[in-house]
């Protein structure tokens, strides 16, 4: 069984105060930001304990967007200072209480944060956009973490979408990124699409691509 949790530590900060104030406060009010993150972490630790003791999930799907399409919202150094240890604490607790697989969603650029994802215990980064240079990430980190995405949702989930472009994007991703430590999927990550039929078409095309790739291997 998989459990789902959203938003994560970073998103809760800008939910509480707005994005601009949150980013400014990392610079101007670092002590208060540490305190607020500590408060959030303590709350989620209580939630995690209740979740693990009562539902015993095998996997966790944890949502926290850390960047735009082109950059992280905060520098890697600032991410390490504020968020690495709280996430190590949280994900370490889940792992020590029976959660075997941690999937972290961030449909954004976050390539510079992958070493921290590995350190905090993420098994799969879900939502990997093409701007992250997936071939390079797979070469450097494959085997330490897996990557799910490779199909930007905006490239297929739009007005006037066609089955042909969905097919083309799925096969492009599978051809470019290979079969090891990569799971094809839309960057959005949720089991639905903005425009009717896109999610179903993507699912079918990924299934067909998977069968064809396995046939070729066999």
N, C-alpha and C. Protein backbone atom coordinates (compact mmCIF):
# COMPACT_ATOMS: atom_id res chain seq x y z
N UNK A 1 0.84 -1.19 0.00
CA UNK A 1 0.00 0.00 0.00
C UNK A 1 0.88 1.24 0.00
N UNK A 2 0.45 2.25 -0.74
CA UNK A 2 1.19 3.52 -0.80
C UNK A 2 0.41 4.62 -0.11
N UNK A 3 1.12 5.44 0.63
CA UNK A 3 0.54 6.62 1.27
C UNK A 3 0.94 7.86 0.49
N UNK A 4 0.12 8.89 0.57
CA UNK A 4 0.37 10.14 -0.15
C UNK A 4 0.37 11.30 0.84
N UNK A 5 1.36 12.19 0.69
CA UNK A 5 1.41 13.37 1.55
C UNK A 5 1.77 14.60 0.74
N UNK A 6 0.97 15.65 0.88
CA UNK A 6 1.21 16.93 0.23
C UNK A 6 0.52 18.02 1.04
N UNK A 7 1.08 19.22 1.08
CA UNK A 7 2.36 19.62 0.50
C UNK A 7 3.52 19.25 1.40
N UNK A 8 4.74 19.42 0.88
CA UNK A 8 5.94 19.15 1.66
C UNK A 8 6.42 20.38 2.40
N UNK A 9 7.61 20.28 2.97
CA UNK A 9 8.13 21.33 3.85
C UNK A 9 8.27 22.67 3.14
N UNK A 10 8.85 22.67 1.94
CA UNK A 10 9.05 23.94 1.24
C UNK A 10 7.72 24.56 0.83
N UNK A 11 6.84 23.75 0.26
CA UNK A 11 5.57 24.32 -0.21
C UNK A 11 4.73 24.86 0.95
N UNK A 12 4.79 24.22 2.11
CA UNK A 12 4.02 24.74 3.24
C UNK A 12 4.50 26.13 3.63
N UNK A 13 5.79 26.39 3.46
CA UNK A 13 6.31 27.71 3.80
C UNK A 13 5.64 28.80 2.95
N UNK A 14 5.60 28.58 1.64
CA UNK A 14 5.01 29.65 0.82
C UNK A 14 3.49 29.58 0.81
N UNK A 15 2.89 28.47 1.25
CA UNK A 15 1.45 28.47 1.49
C UNK A 15 1.13 29.40 2.66
N UNK A 16 1.99 29.43 3.65
CA UNK A 16 1.73 30.22 4.85
C UNK A 16 1.98 31.71 4.64
N UNK A 17 2.97 32.07 3.82
CA UNK A 17 3.36 33.48 3.75
C UNK A 17 3.47 34.03 2.34
N UNK A 18 3.24 33.20 1.34
CA UNK A 18 3.42 33.65 -0.03
C UNK A 18 4.83 33.37 -0.51
N UNK A 19 4.98 33.16 -1.81
CA UNK A 19 6.28 32.78 -2.36
C UNK A 19 7.33 33.86 -2.16
N UNK A 20 7.01 35.12 -2.46
CA UNK A 20 8.01 36.18 -2.37
C UNK A 20 8.53 36.32 -0.94
N UNK A 21 7.61 36.36 0.03
CA UNK A 21 8.03 36.50 1.42
C UNK A 21 8.83 35.29 1.88
N UNK A 22 8.42 34.10 1.44
CA UNK A 22 9.16 32.90 1.83
C UNK A 22 10.60 32.96 1.33
N UNK A 23 10.79 33.31 0.07
CA UNK A 23 12.14 33.37 -0.48
C UNK A 23 12.97 34.47 0.19
N UNK A 24 12.36 35.61 0.44
CA UNK A 24 13.08 36.71 1.10
C UNK A 24 13.46 36.32 2.52
N UNK A 25 12.56 35.62 3.20
CA UNK A 25 12.81 35.28 4.60
C UNK A 25 13.94 34.26 4.79
N UNK A 26 14.24 33.48 3.76
CA UNK A 26 15.41 32.62 3.87
C UNK A 26 16.68 33.46 4.08
N UNK A 27 16.69 34.66 3.52
CA UNK A 27 17.83 35.55 3.67
C UNK A 27 17.71 36.44 4.90
N UNK A 28 16.52 37.01 5.13
CA UNK A 28 16.38 38.03 6.16
C UNK A 28 15.99 37.49 7.53
N UNK A 29 15.34 36.32 7.56
CA UNK A 29 14.89 35.75 8.84
C UNK A 29 15.26 34.27 8.94
N UNK A 30 16.54 33.94 8.77
CA UNK A 30 16.91 32.52 8.73
C UNK A 30 16.58 31.77 10.03
N UNK A 31 16.75 32.41 11.17
CA UNK A 31 16.46 31.71 12.43
C UNK A 31 14.99 31.37 12.55
N UNK A 32 14.14 32.32 12.15
CA UNK A 32 12.70 32.06 12.20
C UNK A 32 12.29 31.00 11.19
N UNK A 33 12.95 30.98 10.04
CA UNK A 33 12.63 29.96 9.04
C UNK A 33 13.05 28.57 9.55
N UNK A 34 14.21 28.50 10.19
CA UNK A 34 14.60 27.23 10.80
C UNK A 34 13.58 26.78 11.83
N UNK A 35 13.10 27.72 12.63
CA UNK A 35 12.11 27.38 13.66
C UNK A 35 10.81 26.89 13.04
N UNK A 36 10.38 27.55 11.96
CA UNK A 36 9.13 27.17 11.31
C UNK A 36 9.27 25.80 10.64
N UNK A 37 10.40 25.55 10.03
CA UNK A 37 10.63 24.24 9.42
C UNK A 37 10.68 23.16 10.50
N UNK A 38 11.28 23.49 11.63
CA UNK A 38 11.32 22.54 12.75
C UNK A 38 9.90 22.22 13.23
N UNK A 39 9.06 23.23 13.31
CA UNK A 39 7.67 23.02 13.73
C UNK A 39 6.95 22.10 12.74
N UNK A 40 7.15 22.36 11.44
CA UNK A 40 6.52 21.51 10.42
C UNK A 40 7.03 20.08 10.50
N UNK A 41 8.33 19.94 10.70
CA UNK A 41 8.92 18.61 10.76
C UNK A 41 8.37 17.83 11.94
N UNK A 42 8.26 18.49 13.09
CA UNK A 42 7.70 17.82 14.27
C UNK A 42 6.27 17.39 14.01
N UNK A 43 5.50 18.24 13.33
CA UNK A 43 4.11 17.87 13.01
C UNK A 43 4.08 16.66 12.11
N UNK A 44 4.93 16.66 11.06
CA UNK A 44 4.88 15.53 10.14
C UNK A 44 5.42 14.26 10.79
N UNK A 45 6.35 14.38 11.71
CA UNK A 45 6.82 13.19 12.43
C UNK A 45 5.68 12.54 13.19
N UNK A 46 4.83 13.35 13.81
CA UNK A 46 3.66 12.80 14.49
C UNK A 46 2.71 12.14 13.50
N UNK A 47 2.52 12.79 12.36
CA UNK A 47 1.66 12.23 11.31
C UNK A 47 2.24 10.92 10.80
N UNK A 48 3.56 10.90 10.58
CA UNK A 48 4.21 9.70 10.07
C UNK A 48 4.08 8.55 11.05
N UNK A 49 4.21 8.83 12.32
CA UNK A 49 4.08 7.77 13.32
C UNK A 49 2.67 7.19 13.31
N UNK A 50 1.68 8.05 13.25
CA UNK A 50 0.29 7.60 13.19
C UNK A 50 0.05 6.78 11.92
N UNK A 51 0.57 7.27 10.80
CA UNK A 51 0.40 6.59 9.52
C UNK A 51 1.03 5.21 9.54
N UNK A 52 2.25 5.12 10.01
CA UNK A 52 2.97 3.85 9.99
C UNK A 52 2.39 2.85 10.99
N UNK A 53 1.96 3.34 12.12
CA UNK A 53 1.42 2.44 13.14
C UNK A 53 0.05 1.88 12.77
N UNK A 54 -0.72 2.65 12.01
CA UNK A 54 -2.09 2.23 11.73
C UNK A 54 -2.30 1.68 10.33
N UNK A 55 -1.61 2.21 9.34
CA UNK A 55 -1.83 1.77 7.96
C UNK A 55 -0.69 0.93 7.41
N UNK A 56 0.48 1.02 7.99
CA UNK A 56 1.63 0.21 7.59
C UNK A 56 1.90 0.28 6.08
N UNK A 57 2.11 1.48 5.53
CA UNK A 57 2.35 1.57 4.08
C UNK A 57 3.69 0.98 3.67
N UNK A 58 3.71 0.42 2.47
CA UNK A 58 4.96 -0.09 1.90
C UNK A 58 5.71 1.00 1.15
N UNK A 59 4.97 2.01 0.69
CA UNK A 59 5.56 3.08 -0.11
C UNK A 59 4.97 4.42 0.30
N UNK A 60 5.73 5.47 0.05
CA UNK A 60 5.28 6.84 0.33
C UNK A 60 5.47 7.68 -0.92
N UNK A 61 4.41 8.40 -1.31
CA UNK A 61 4.49 9.36 -2.41
C UNK A 61 4.40 10.75 -1.78
N UNK A 62 5.52 11.45 -1.76
CA UNK A 62 5.63 12.71 -1.02
C UNK A 62 5.82 13.85 -2.01
N UNK A 63 5.01 14.88 -1.88
CA UNK A 63 4.97 15.98 -2.84
C UNK A 63 5.64 17.22 -2.25
N UNK A 64 6.57 17.81 -3.01
CA UNK A 64 7.16 19.10 -2.63
C UNK A 64 7.90 19.65 -3.84
N UNK A 65 7.34 20.63 -4.51
CA UNK A 65 7.98 21.21 -5.70
C UNK A 65 9.11 22.14 -5.28
N UNK A 66 10.29 21.90 -5.83
CA UNK A 66 11.48 22.62 -5.41
C UNK A 66 12.02 23.59 -6.46
N UNK A 67 11.34 23.74 -7.60
CA UNK A 67 11.88 24.64 -8.60
C UNK A 67 10.89 24.99 -9.68
N UNK A 68 11.35 25.82 -10.59
CA UNK A 68 10.61 26.14 -11.81
C UNK A 68 11.08 25.17 -12.90
N UNK A 69 10.74 25.45 -14.13
CA UNK A 69 11.19 24.58 -15.21
C UNK A 69 12.71 24.68 -15.43
N UNK A 70 13.31 25.83 -15.04
CA UNK A 70 14.69 26.09 -15.40
C UNK A 70 15.66 26.17 -14.23
N UNK A 71 15.14 26.30 -13.01
CA UNK A 71 16.03 26.49 -11.87
C UNK A 71 15.34 26.07 -10.59
N UNK A 72 16.14 25.79 -9.56
CA UNK A 72 15.57 25.58 -8.24
C UNK A 72 15.15 26.92 -7.65
N UNK A 73 14.20 26.89 -6.72
CA UNK A 73 13.74 28.12 -6.09
C UNK A 73 14.78 28.72 -5.16
N UNK A 74 15.56 27.86 -4.51
CA UNK A 74 16.65 28.33 -3.66
C UNK A 74 17.92 27.59 -4.10
N UNK A 75 19.07 28.14 -3.75
CA UNK A 75 20.33 27.55 -4.17
C UNK A 75 20.54 26.19 -3.51
N UNK A 76 21.34 25.32 -4.11
CA UNK A 76 21.65 24.05 -3.46
C UNK A 76 22.22 24.24 -2.05
N UNK A 77 23.07 25.26 -1.87
CA UNK A 77 23.65 25.51 -0.56
C UNK A 77 22.58 25.87 0.46
N UNK A 78 21.62 26.67 0.06
CA UNK A 78 20.53 27.05 0.96
C UNK A 78 19.60 25.86 1.20
N UNK A 79 19.37 25.06 0.19
CA UNK A 79 18.58 23.84 0.36
C UNK A 79 19.23 22.94 1.41
N UNK A 80 20.54 22.77 1.30
CA UNK A 80 21.26 21.94 2.27
C UNK A 80 21.13 22.51 3.68
N UNK A 81 21.25 23.80 3.81
CA UNK A 81 21.20 24.44 5.13
C UNK A 81 19.84 24.28 5.79
N UNK A 82 18.76 24.43 5.02
CA UNK A 82 17.43 24.50 5.62
C UNK A 82 16.64 23.19 5.54
N UNK A 83 16.79 22.44 4.46
CA UNK A 83 15.84 21.36 4.19
C UNK A 83 16.44 19.96 4.22
N UNK A 84 17.74 19.82 4.04
CA UNK A 84 18.32 18.48 3.96
C UNK A 84 18.11 17.69 5.25
N UNK A 85 18.49 18.23 6.37
CA UNK A 85 18.40 17.48 7.63
C UNK A 85 16.96 17.17 8.01
N UNK A 86 16.02 18.12 7.89
CA UNK A 86 14.62 17.77 8.19
C UNK A 86 14.10 16.63 7.31
N UNK A 87 14.44 16.64 6.02
CA UNK A 87 13.98 15.55 5.16
C UNK A 87 14.69 14.24 5.48
N UNK A 88 15.96 14.30 5.85
CA UNK A 88 16.64 13.07 6.28
C UNK A 88 15.96 12.48 7.51
N UNK A 89 15.54 13.35 8.41
CA UNK A 89 14.84 12.89 9.61
C UNK A 89 13.51 12.25 9.25
N UNK A 90 12.74 12.93 8.39
CA UNK A 90 11.42 12.42 8.02
C UNK A 90 11.53 11.11 7.24
N UNK A 91 12.30 11.11 6.17
CA UNK A 91 12.39 9.93 5.34
C UNK A 91 13.08 8.78 6.07
N UNK A 92 14.02 9.12 6.96
CA UNK A 92 14.64 8.09 7.78
C UNK A 92 13.64 7.42 8.70
N UNK A 93 12.71 8.22 9.25
CA UNK A 93 11.68 7.65 10.10
C UNK A 93 10.78 6.71 9.31
N UNK A 94 10.33 7.16 8.14
CA UNK A 94 9.48 6.30 7.32
C UNK A 94 10.19 4.98 7.00
N UNK A 95 11.46 5.06 6.60
CA UNK A 95 12.21 3.86 6.22
C UNK A 95 12.37 2.92 7.42
N UNK A 96 12.59 3.50 8.60
CA UNK A 96 12.79 2.66 9.78
C UNK A 96 11.49 2.08 10.32
N UNK A 97 10.36 2.51 9.75
CA UNK A 97 9.06 2.01 10.21
C UNK A 97 8.32 1.29 9.09
N UNK A 98 9.07 0.63 8.22
CA UNK A 98 8.46 -0.29 7.26
C UNK A 98 8.18 0.25 5.88
N UNK A 99 8.44 1.53 5.63
CA UNK A 99 8.23 2.08 4.28
C UNK A 99 9.45 1.72 3.43
N UNK A 100 9.25 0.89 2.43
CA UNK A 100 10.37 0.39 1.63
C UNK A 100 10.73 1.32 0.48
N UNK A 101 9.77 2.08 -0.02
CA UNK A 101 9.99 2.88 -1.22
C UNK A 101 9.50 4.30 -0.99
N UNK A 102 10.40 5.26 -1.18
CA UNK A 102 10.02 6.67 -1.07
C UNK A 102 10.12 7.32 -2.44
N UNK A 103 8.99 7.80 -2.91
CA UNK A 103 8.90 8.50 -4.19
C UNK A 103 8.68 9.98 -3.88
N UNK A 104 9.61 10.81 -4.31
CA UNK A 104 9.46 12.25 -4.07
C UNK A 104 9.08 12.94 -5.37
N UNK A 105 7.98 13.68 -5.33
CA UNK A 105 7.51 14.41 -6.51
C UNK A 105 8.01 15.85 -6.48
N UNK A 106 8.65 16.24 -7.57
CA UNK A 106 8.95 17.66 -7.81
C UNK A 106 9.04 17.83 -9.31
N UNK A 107 7.93 18.28 -9.93
CA UNK A 107 7.93 18.45 -11.39
C UNK A 107 8.56 19.79 -11.71
N UNK A 108 9.88 19.78 -11.77
CA UNK A 108 10.65 21.01 -11.87
C UNK A 108 12.07 20.69 -12.29
N UNK A 109 12.86 21.74 -12.43
CA UNK A 109 14.30 21.55 -12.49
C UNK A 109 14.79 21.31 -11.06
N UNK A 110 15.50 20.22 -10.84
CA UNK A 110 16.08 19.96 -9.52
C UNK A 110 17.32 19.09 -9.65
N UNK A 111 17.97 19.13 -10.81
CA UNK A 111 19.13 18.29 -11.05
C UNK A 111 20.23 18.54 -10.03
N UNK A 112 20.40 19.78 -9.60
CA UNK A 112 21.46 20.11 -8.64
C UNK A 112 21.15 19.62 -7.23
N UNK A 113 19.92 19.15 -7.01
CA UNK A 113 19.53 18.65 -5.69
C UNK A 113 19.56 17.13 -5.60
N UNK A 114 19.89 16.44 -6.70
CA UNK A 114 19.86 14.98 -6.69
C UNK A 114 20.78 14.39 -5.63
N UNK A 115 22.01 14.90 -5.43
CA UNK A 115 22.83 14.33 -4.35
C UNK A 115 22.15 14.41 -2.99
N UNK A 116 21.40 15.47 -2.75
CA UNK A 116 20.67 15.60 -1.48
C UNK A 116 19.50 14.63 -1.42
N UNK A 117 18.82 14.43 -2.56
CA UNK A 117 17.74 13.44 -2.60
C UNK A 117 18.27 12.06 -2.20
N UNK A 118 19.42 11.70 -2.74
CA UNK A 118 20.01 10.41 -2.42
C UNK A 118 20.34 10.34 -0.94
N UNK A 119 20.94 11.41 -0.41
CA UNK A 119 21.32 11.43 1.00
C UNK A 119 20.12 11.34 1.92
N UNK A 120 19.00 11.96 1.53
CA UNK A 120 17.82 11.94 2.40
C UNK A 120 17.00 10.67 2.27
N UNK A 121 17.33 9.82 1.30
CA UNK A 121 16.68 8.52 1.20
C UNK A 121 15.62 8.38 0.13
N UNK A 122 15.59 9.28 -0.83
CA UNK A 122 14.62 9.17 -1.92
C UNK A 122 15.03 8.02 -2.85
N UNK A 123 14.08 7.15 -3.16
CA UNK A 123 14.33 6.05 -4.08
C UNK A 123 14.00 6.43 -5.53
N UNK A 124 12.92 7.19 -5.72
CA UNK A 124 12.51 7.60 -7.06
C UNK A 124 12.18 9.09 -7.03
N UNK A 125 12.82 9.86 -7.90
CA UNK A 125 12.40 11.25 -8.10
C UNK A 125 11.36 11.23 -9.22
N UNK A 126 10.15 11.59 -8.87
CA UNK A 126 9.04 11.62 -9.85
C UNK A 126 8.80 13.06 -10.27
N UNK A 127 8.57 13.23 -11.59
CA UNK A 127 8.30 14.57 -12.11
C UNK A 127 9.47 15.19 -12.82
N UNK A 128 10.44 14.37 -13.21
CA UNK A 128 11.66 14.89 -13.82
C UNK A 128 11.34 15.49 -15.19
N UNK A 129 11.57 16.78 -15.32
CA UNK A 129 11.32 17.46 -16.59
C UNK A 129 12.55 17.32 -17.49
N UNK A 130 12.36 17.52 -18.80
CA UNK A 130 13.46 17.34 -19.75
C UNK A 130 14.57 18.36 -19.55
N UNK A 131 14.27 19.49 -18.91
CA UNK A 131 15.29 20.51 -18.67
C UNK A 131 16.38 20.03 -17.71
N UNK A 132 16.19 18.88 -17.08
CA UNK A 132 17.16 18.37 -16.11
C UNK A 132 18.32 17.59 -16.73
N UNK A 133 18.32 17.39 -18.03
CA UNK A 133 19.37 16.61 -18.70
C UNK A 133 19.40 15.20 -18.12
N UNK A 134 18.33 14.47 -18.36
CA UNK A 134 18.18 13.12 -17.83
C UNK A 134 19.31 12.16 -18.22
N UNK A 135 19.81 12.18 -19.45
CA UNK A 135 20.91 11.27 -19.77
C UNK A 135 22.11 11.45 -18.85
N UNK A 136 22.43 12.69 -18.52
CA UNK A 136 23.55 12.95 -17.63
C UNK A 136 23.25 12.49 -16.21
N UNK A 137 22.01 12.74 -15.73
CA UNK A 137 21.63 12.29 -14.40
C UNK A 137 21.68 10.76 -14.29
N UNK A 138 21.19 10.08 -15.31
CA UNK A 138 21.21 8.62 -15.31
C UNK A 138 22.64 8.09 -15.30
N UNK A 139 23.51 8.73 -16.05
CA UNK A 139 24.91 8.31 -16.10
C UNK A 139 25.59 8.50 -14.75
N UNK A 140 25.28 9.61 -14.07
CA UNK A 140 25.97 9.94 -12.81
C UNK A 140 25.36 9.25 -11.60
N UNK A 141 24.02 9.09 -11.60
CA UNK A 141 23.36 8.67 -10.37
C UNK A 141 22.53 7.38 -10.51
N UNK A 142 22.43 6.84 -11.72
CA UNK A 142 21.66 5.61 -11.89
C UNK A 142 22.20 4.50 -11.01
N UNK A 143 21.31 3.85 -10.29
CA UNK A 143 21.71 2.82 -9.34
C UNK A 143 21.64 3.31 -7.91
N UNK A 144 21.78 4.63 -7.73
CA UNK A 144 21.62 5.25 -6.42
C UNK A 144 20.21 5.81 -6.24
N UNK A 145 19.60 6.20 -7.34
CA UNK A 145 18.24 6.74 -7.37
C UNK A 145 17.68 6.47 -8.76
N UNK A 146 16.37 6.34 -8.87
CA UNK A 146 15.72 6.18 -10.17
C UNK A 146 14.93 7.44 -10.49
N UNK A 147 14.65 7.62 -11.77
CA UNK A 147 14.02 8.84 -12.25
C UNK A 147 12.74 8.50 -13.00
N UNK A 148 11.66 9.19 -12.64
CA UNK A 148 10.37 8.96 -13.29
C UNK A 148 9.88 10.27 -13.91
N UNK A 149 9.55 10.23 -15.16
CA UNK A 149 9.11 11.43 -15.88
C UNK A 149 9.63 11.38 -17.29
N UNK A 150 10.38 12.42 -17.68
CA UNK A 150 10.96 12.47 -19.00
C UNK A 150 10.02 12.92 -20.09
N UNK A 151 8.73 13.11 -19.74
CA UNK A 151 7.75 13.62 -20.69
C UNK A 151 7.12 14.85 -20.05
N UNK A 152 7.47 16.02 -20.53
CA UNK A 152 6.90 17.24 -19.97
C UNK A 152 5.40 17.26 -20.23
N UNK A 153 4.63 17.44 -19.17
CA UNK A 153 3.18 17.40 -19.33
C UNK A 153 2.69 18.41 -20.37
N UNK A 154 3.30 19.58 -20.39
CA UNK A 154 2.85 20.62 -21.32
C UNK A 154 3.05 20.22 -22.78
N UNK A 155 3.95 19.26 -23.04
CA UNK A 155 4.21 18.87 -24.42
C UNK A 155 3.11 17.97 -24.98
N UNK A 156 2.29 17.37 -24.11
CA UNK A 156 1.24 16.47 -24.58
C UNK A 156 -0.14 16.84 -24.03
N UNK A 157 -0.19 17.52 -22.89
CA UNK A 157 -1.46 17.82 -22.23
C UNK A 157 -1.84 19.27 -22.50
N UNK A 158 -2.43 19.50 -23.67
CA UNK A 158 -2.73 20.86 -24.11
C UNK A 158 -3.93 20.82 -25.05
N UNK A 159 -4.54 21.95 -25.32
CA UNK A 159 -5.66 21.94 -26.27
C UNK A 159 -5.20 21.45 -27.64
N UNK A 160 -5.99 20.61 -28.24
CA UNK A 160 -5.65 20.11 -29.57
C UNK A 160 -4.63 19.00 -29.58
N UNK A 161 -4.38 18.38 -28.42
CA UNK A 161 -3.43 17.27 -28.36
C UNK A 161 -3.87 16.15 -29.30
N UNK A 162 -2.90 15.35 -29.74
CA UNK A 162 -3.22 14.22 -30.61
C UNK A 162 -2.55 12.95 -30.09
N UNK A 163 -3.13 11.82 -30.44
CA UNK A 163 -2.54 10.54 -30.04
C UNK A 163 -1.16 10.37 -30.67
N UNK A 164 -0.97 10.91 -31.85
CA UNK A 164 0.31 10.78 -32.54
C UNK A 164 1.43 11.46 -31.76
N UNK A 165 1.17 12.66 -31.22
CA UNK A 165 2.24 13.32 -30.48
C UNK A 165 2.48 12.65 -29.13
N UNK A 166 1.44 12.08 -28.53
CA UNK A 166 1.64 11.31 -27.30
C UNK A 166 2.55 10.11 -27.59
N UNK A 167 2.22 9.38 -28.67
CA UNK A 167 3.04 8.24 -29.08
C UNK A 167 4.49 8.67 -29.32
N UNK A 168 4.65 9.78 -30.02
CA UNK A 168 5.99 10.26 -30.35
C UNK A 168 6.79 10.62 -29.09
N UNK A 169 6.16 11.30 -28.15
CA UNK A 169 6.86 11.69 -26.92
C UNK A 169 7.23 10.49 -26.05
N UNK A 170 6.34 9.51 -25.98
CA UNK A 170 6.63 8.31 -25.19
C UNK A 170 7.84 7.59 -25.78
N UNK A 171 7.86 7.40 -27.09
CA UNK A 171 8.96 6.67 -27.70
C UNK A 171 10.24 7.49 -27.68
N UNK A 172 10.14 8.80 -27.80
CA UNK A 172 11.34 9.63 -27.66
C UNK A 172 11.98 9.42 -26.29
N UNK A 173 11.14 9.49 -25.24
CA UNK A 173 11.65 9.33 -23.88
C UNK A 173 12.28 7.95 -23.68
N UNK A 174 11.58 6.92 -24.13
CA UNK A 174 12.10 5.56 -23.94
C UNK A 174 13.40 5.35 -24.73
N UNK A 175 13.49 5.93 -25.91
CA UNK A 175 14.69 5.78 -26.73
C UNK A 175 15.86 6.57 -26.16
N UNK A 176 15.61 7.79 -25.66
CA UNK A 176 16.68 8.65 -25.16
C UNK A 176 17.21 8.21 -23.81
N UNK A 177 16.30 7.72 -22.95
CA UNK A 177 16.69 7.50 -21.55
C UNK A 177 16.89 6.03 -21.19
N UNK A 178 16.51 5.12 -22.06
CA UNK A 178 16.82 3.72 -21.85
C UNK A 178 15.92 3.01 -20.86
N UNK A 179 16.36 1.82 -20.46
CA UNK A 179 15.53 0.93 -19.66
C UNK A 179 15.98 0.81 -18.21
N UNK A 180 17.11 1.41 -17.86
CA UNK A 180 17.66 1.24 -16.52
C UNK A 180 17.51 2.51 -15.70
N UNK A 181 16.89 2.36 -14.53
CA UNK A 181 16.72 3.45 -13.56
C UNK A 181 15.86 4.59 -14.10
N UNK A 182 15.07 4.31 -15.11
CA UNK A 182 14.17 5.32 -15.69
C UNK A 182 12.78 4.73 -15.85
N UNK A 183 11.77 5.48 -15.42
CA UNK A 183 10.37 5.10 -15.56
C UNK A 183 9.67 6.20 -16.36
N UNK A 184 9.19 5.91 -17.58
CA UNK A 184 8.54 6.96 -18.37
C UNK A 184 7.22 7.38 -17.76
N UNK A 185 6.94 8.67 -17.83
CA UNK A 185 5.67 9.19 -17.33
C UNK A 185 5.62 10.69 -17.52
N UNK A 186 4.42 11.23 -17.42
CA UNK A 186 4.26 12.68 -17.50
C UNK A 186 4.84 13.32 -16.24
N UNK A 187 5.38 14.51 -16.39
CA UNK A 187 6.01 15.17 -15.25
C UNK A 187 5.00 15.52 -14.16
N UNK A 188 3.74 15.72 -14.52
CA UNK A 188 2.74 16.13 -13.54
C UNK A 188 2.60 15.12 -12.41
N UNK A 189 2.54 13.86 -12.73
CA UNK A 189 2.59 12.83 -11.71
C UNK A 189 1.28 12.38 -11.13
N UNK A 190 0.21 13.09 -11.36
CA UNK A 190 -1.09 12.69 -10.81
C UNK A 190 -1.84 11.80 -11.80
N UNK A 191 -2.76 10.97 -11.32
CA UNK A 191 -3.49 10.05 -12.21
C UNK A 191 -4.64 10.72 -12.96
N UNK A 192 -4.36 11.85 -13.57
CA UNK A 192 -5.35 12.55 -14.38
C UNK A 192 -4.61 13.52 -15.28
N UNK A 193 -5.32 14.16 -16.16
CA UNK A 193 -4.72 15.15 -17.05
C UNK A 193 -5.62 16.38 -17.10
N UNK A 194 -5.06 17.49 -17.55
CA UNK A 194 -5.84 18.72 -17.68
C UNK A 194 -6.88 18.57 -18.77
N UNK A 195 -6.50 17.93 -19.87
CA UNK A 195 -7.41 17.77 -21.01
C UNK A 195 -7.81 16.31 -21.14
N UNK A 196 -9.08 16.11 -21.36
CA UNK A 196 -9.67 14.78 -21.33
C UNK A 196 -8.99 13.82 -22.31
N UNK A 197 -8.66 12.66 -21.81
CA UNK A 197 -8.12 11.59 -22.65
C UNK A 197 -6.61 11.51 -22.69
N UNK A 198 -5.91 12.57 -22.27
CA UNK A 198 -4.45 12.56 -22.37
C UNK A 198 -3.85 11.52 -21.43
N UNK A 199 -4.32 11.48 -20.19
CA UNK A 199 -3.75 10.53 -19.22
C UNK A 199 -3.94 9.10 -19.71
N UNK A 200 -5.11 8.79 -20.19
CA UNK A 200 -5.39 7.43 -20.67
C UNK A 200 -4.51 7.09 -21.88
N UNK A 201 -4.34 8.06 -22.78
CA UNK A 201 -3.51 7.82 -23.95
C UNK A 201 -2.05 7.59 -23.56
N UNK A 202 -1.56 8.39 -22.62
CA UNK A 202 -0.19 8.23 -22.15
C UNK A 202 0.01 6.84 -21.52
N UNK A 203 -0.95 6.45 -20.68
CA UNK A 203 -0.85 5.15 -20.02
C UNK A 203 -0.80 4.02 -21.04
N UNK A 204 -1.66 4.08 -22.04
CA UNK A 204 -1.70 3.03 -23.06
C UNK A 204 -0.41 3.02 -23.88
N UNK A 205 0.09 4.19 -24.25
CA UNK A 205 1.30 4.25 -25.06
C UNK A 205 2.51 3.77 -24.27
N UNK A 206 2.58 4.09 -22.98
CA UNK A 206 3.69 3.61 -22.15
C UNK A 206 3.62 2.10 -22.01
N UNK A 207 2.42 1.56 -21.83
CA UNK A 207 2.26 0.10 -21.73
C UNK A 207 2.72 -0.57 -23.03
N UNK A 208 2.32 -0.01 -24.16
CA UNK A 208 2.71 -0.61 -25.45
C UNK A 208 4.21 -0.52 -25.66
N UNK A 209 4.79 0.62 -25.29
CA UNK A 209 6.24 0.77 -25.44
C UNK A 209 6.97 -0.23 -24.55
N UNK A 210 6.47 -0.41 -23.33
CA UNK A 210 7.09 -1.37 -22.42
C UNK A 210 7.06 -2.79 -22.97
N UNK A 211 5.91 -3.18 -23.53
CA UNK A 211 5.81 -4.53 -24.09
C UNK A 211 6.75 -4.71 -25.27
N UNK A 212 6.87 -3.68 -26.10
CA UNK A 212 7.73 -3.77 -27.26
C UNK A 212 9.20 -3.85 -26.85
N UNK A 213 9.58 -3.06 -25.85
CA UNK A 213 10.97 -3.09 -25.38
C UNK A 213 11.31 -4.45 -24.77
N UNK A 214 10.38 -5.03 -23.99
CA UNK A 214 10.62 -6.34 -23.42
C UNK A 214 10.70 -7.40 -24.53
N UNK A 215 9.88 -7.24 -25.57
CA UNK A 215 9.92 -8.19 -26.69
C UNK A 215 11.29 -8.14 -27.37
N UNK A 216 11.81 -6.91 -27.52
CA UNK A 216 13.11 -6.76 -28.16
C UNK A 216 14.23 -7.38 -27.32
N UNK A 217 14.11 -7.25 -25.99
CA UNK A 217 15.11 -7.84 -25.10
C UNK A 217 15.07 -9.35 -25.19
N UNK A 218 13.81 -9.87 -25.21
CA UNK A 218 13.65 -11.33 -25.25
C UNK A 218 14.05 -11.90 -26.59
